Amino acid sequence: MNLNATLIAQMIVFLTLAWFTMKFVWPPLIGALDERAKKIADGLAAADRGKAEFEAVHRQIVEELTKVRNEAQQRISEAKEQAQLVADEIKRNAQSEAAGIINRAKMEAEQQVIKIRDALRRDVAILAVKGAEQILRREIDQNTHTELLNKLQAQL
């Protein structure tokens, strides 16, 4: 066997194998590798987009939560102010009602004092009449006696 012929035959087989590999084996392998690289790149890009969306949503949630907390604090303070206004109004109404009750009680007390005074005047007049009648029964006539007692009653 000739070394040159063997070497040339091996070279032809090698070149045929290289051509066959380049033509039929490598394109699907390179395509699969490119597709896999593209999927990995798309996955990384999607992960980056997801992370960015997560951060944006997280920021939005924090902002909304802050807004809700502020709104709740504002509503609480408004409710406290409203409660204070209602309490003040109730207090004013109670004070005015108390003043009205006191005024009515004073008027009733004054009316009762007047009634008691009138009753006392009548009683004193009757007692005075009886006392005077007993003392003056024989000295003054009935008409003069009644006249004097009426004057006395009016003075009391």
Protein backbone atom coordinates (compact mmCIF):
# COMPACT_ATOMS: atom_id res chain seq x y z
CA MET A 1 0.00 0.00 0.00
CA ASN A 2 1.06 3.29 -0.92
CA LEU A 3 1.25 5.84 1.82
CA ASN A 4 0.32 8.66 -0.50
CA ALA A 5 -2.74 6.85 -1.80
CA THR A 6 -3.88 6.08 1.72
CA LEU A 7 -3.30 9.65 2.75
CA ILE A 8 -5.18 10.98 -0.27
CA ALA A 9 -8.07 8.50 0.34
CA GLN A 10 -8.24 9.55 3.99
CA MET A 11 -8.15 13.17 2.94
CA ILE A 12 -11.04 12.64 0.51
CA VAL A 13 -13.02 10.79 3.17
CA PHE A 14 -12.25 13.52 5.68
CA LEU A 15 -13.26 16.28 3.27
CA THR A 16 -16.44 14.40 2.35
CA LEU A 17 -17.22 13.91 5.99
CA ALA A 18 -16.48 17.61 6.69
CA TRP A 19 -18.65 18.67 3.76
CA PHE A 20 -21.44 16.30 4.84
CA THR A 21 -21.21 17.54 8.43
CA MET A 22 -21.21 21.20 7.34
CA LYS A 23 -24.10 20.68 4.95
CA PHE A 24 -26.39 18.38 6.91
CA VAL A 25 -25.34 18.12 10.57
CA TRP A 26 -24.17 21.58 11.59
CA PRO A 27 -27.13 23.64 10.30
CA PRO A 28 -29.67 21.82 12.53
CA LEU A 29 -27.23 21.92 15.46
CA ILE A 30 -26.49 25.62 14.92
CA GLY A 31 -30.24 26.24 14.45
CA ALA A 32 -31.01 24.40 17.69
CA LEU A 33 -28.25 26.29 19.50
CA ASP A 34 -29.44 29.61 18.05
CA GLU A 35 -33.02 28.76 19.00
CA ARG A 36 -31.93 27.79 22.50
CA ALA A 37 -29.86 30.99 22.80
CA LYS A 38 -32.86 32.99 21.60
CA LYS A 39 -35.14 31.28 24.15
CA ILE A 40 -32.62 32.00 26.89
CA ALA A 41 -32.30 35.63 25.77
CA ASP A 42 -36.11 35.94 25.59
CA GLY A 43 -36.41 34.37 29.04
CA LEU A 44 -33.84 36.78 30.46
CA ALA A 45 -35.57 39.72 28.77
CA ALA A 46 -38.94 38.54 30.12
CA ALA A 47 -37.39 38.18 33.57
CA ASP A 48 -36.04 41.72 33.31
CA ARG A 49 -39.44 42.99 32.14
CA GLY A 50 -41.13 41.06 34.93
CA LYS A 51 -38.72 42.51 37.46
CA ALA A 52 -39.30 46.03 36.11
CA GLU A 53 -43.09 45.49 36.14
CA PHE A 54 -42.85 44.10 39.67
CA GLU A 55 -40.91 47.16 40.80
CA ALA A 56 -43.41 49.48 39.08
CA VAL A 57 -46.36 47.67 40.61
CA HIS A 58 -44.61 47.64 43.99
CA ARG A 59 -44.04 51.40 43.75
CA GLN A 60 -47.67 51.90 42.72
CA ILE A 61 -48.86 49.76 45.63
CA VAL A 62 -46.70 51.73 48.06
CA GLU A 63 -48.06 55.01 46.64
CA GLU A 64 -51.66 53.77 46.85
CA LEU A 65 -51.10 52.50 50.37
CA THR A 66 -49.65 55.87 51.37
CA LYS A 67 -52.57 57.66 49.73
CA VAL A 68 -55.08 55.39 51.49
CA ARG A 69 -53.36 55.92 54.84
CA ASN A 70 -53.38 59.69 54.35
CA GLU A 71 -57.03 59.61 53.31
CA ALA A 72 -57.88 57.48 56.33
CA GLN A 73 -56.06 59.90 58.63
CA GLN A 74 -57.91 62.80 57.01
CA ARG A 75 -61.27 61.04 57.44
CA ILE A 76 -60.44 60.25 61.05
CA SER A 77 -59.56 63.89 61.74
CA GLU A 78 -62.73 65.04 59.96
CA ALA A 79 -64.78 62.58 62.01
CA LYS A 80 -63.16 63.86 65.20
CA GLU A 81 -63.93 67.45 64.21
CA GLN A 82 -67.52 66.51 63.35
CA ALA A 83 -67.87 64.67 66.66
CA GLN A 84 -66.52 67.71 68.50
CA LEU A 85 -69.02 69.96 66.68
CA VAL A 86 -71.87 67.60 67.54
CA ALA A 87 -70.71 67.43 71.16
CA ASP A 88 -70.54 71.24 71.32
CA GLU A 89 -74.03 71.51 69.80
CA ILE A 90 -75.39 68.98 72.28
CA LYS A 91 -73.72 70.87 75.10
CA ARG A 92 -75.24 74.18 73.93
CA ASN A 93 -78.67 72.58 73.61
CA ALA A 94 -78.37 71.07 77.07
CA GLN A 95 -77.30 74.41 78.53
CA SER A 96 -80.20 76.23 76.88
CA GLU A 97 -82.64 73.55 78.06
CA ALA A 98 -81.19 73.77 81.56
CA ALA A 99 -81.57 77.56 81.49
CA GLY A 100 -85.18 77.17 80.31
CA ILE A 101 -85.92 74.65 83.06
CA ILE A 102 -84.33 76.93 85.65
CA ASN A 103 -86.36 79.91 84.37
CA ARG A 104 -89.60 77.89 84.48
CA ALA A 105 -88.76 76.68 87.98
CA LYS A 106 -88.08 80.26 89.09
CA MET A 107 -91.38 81.42 87.60
CA GLU A 108 -93.24 78.58 89.27
CA ALA A 109 -91.52 79.36 92.56
CA GLU A 110 -92.45 83.04 92.22
CA GLN A 111 -96.06 82.10 91.46
CA GLN A 112 -96.16 79.81 94.47
CA VAL A 113 -94.66 82.58 96.63
CA ILE A 114 -97.37 84.96 95.39
CA LYS A 115 -100.09 82.37 96.09
CA ILE A 116 -98.68 81.70 99.54
CA ARG A 117 -98.50 85.43 100.29
CA ASP A 118 -102.09 85.89 99.16
CA ALA A 119 -103.20 82.95 101.29
CA LEU A 120 -101.18 84.29 104.21
CA ARG A 121 -102.74 87.76 103.78
CA ARG A 122 -106.19 86.22 103.79
CA ASP A 123 -105.38 84.16 106.87
CA VAL A 124 -103.87 87.18 108.64
CA ALA A 125 -106.89 89.26 107.62
CA ILE A 126 -109.24 86.60 108.92
CA LEU A 127 -107.29 86.35 112.17
CA ALA A 128 -107.19 90.09 112.49
CA VAL A 129 -110.90 90.28 111.82
CA LYS A 130 -111.64 87.62 114.39
CA GLY A 131 -109.38 89.27 116.94
CA ALA A 132 -110.74 92.69 116.25
CA GLU A 133 -114.25 91.34 116.20
CA GLN A 134 -113.86 89.91 119.62
CA ILE A 135 -112.30 93.05 120.98
CA LEU A 136 -114.55 95.53 119.23
CA ARG A 137 -117.74 93.53 118.99
CA ARG A 138 -119.70 95.92 121.04
CA GLU A 139 -118.03 99.18 120.16
CA ILE A 140 -118.10 99.20 116.27
CA ASP A 141 -120.95 98.26 114.03
CA GLN A 142 -120.65 95.54 111.37
CA ASN A 143 -120.31 97.83 108.29
CA THR A 144 -117.55 99.92 109.78
CA HIS A 145 -115.79 96.80 110.94
CA THR A 146 -115.84 95.23 107.44
CA GLU A 147 -114.59 98.46 105.90
CA LEU A 148 -111.62 98.61 108.29
CA LEU A 149 -110.73 94.98 107.67
CA ASN A 150 -110.81 95.44 103.88
CA LYS A 151 -108.46 98.41 104.21
CA LEU A 152 -106.20 96.36 106.47
CA GLN A 153 -106.24 93.44 104.01
CA ALA A 154 -105.33 95.73 101.11
CA GLN A 155 -102.42 97.18 103.09
CA LEU A 156 -101.04 93.73 103.87
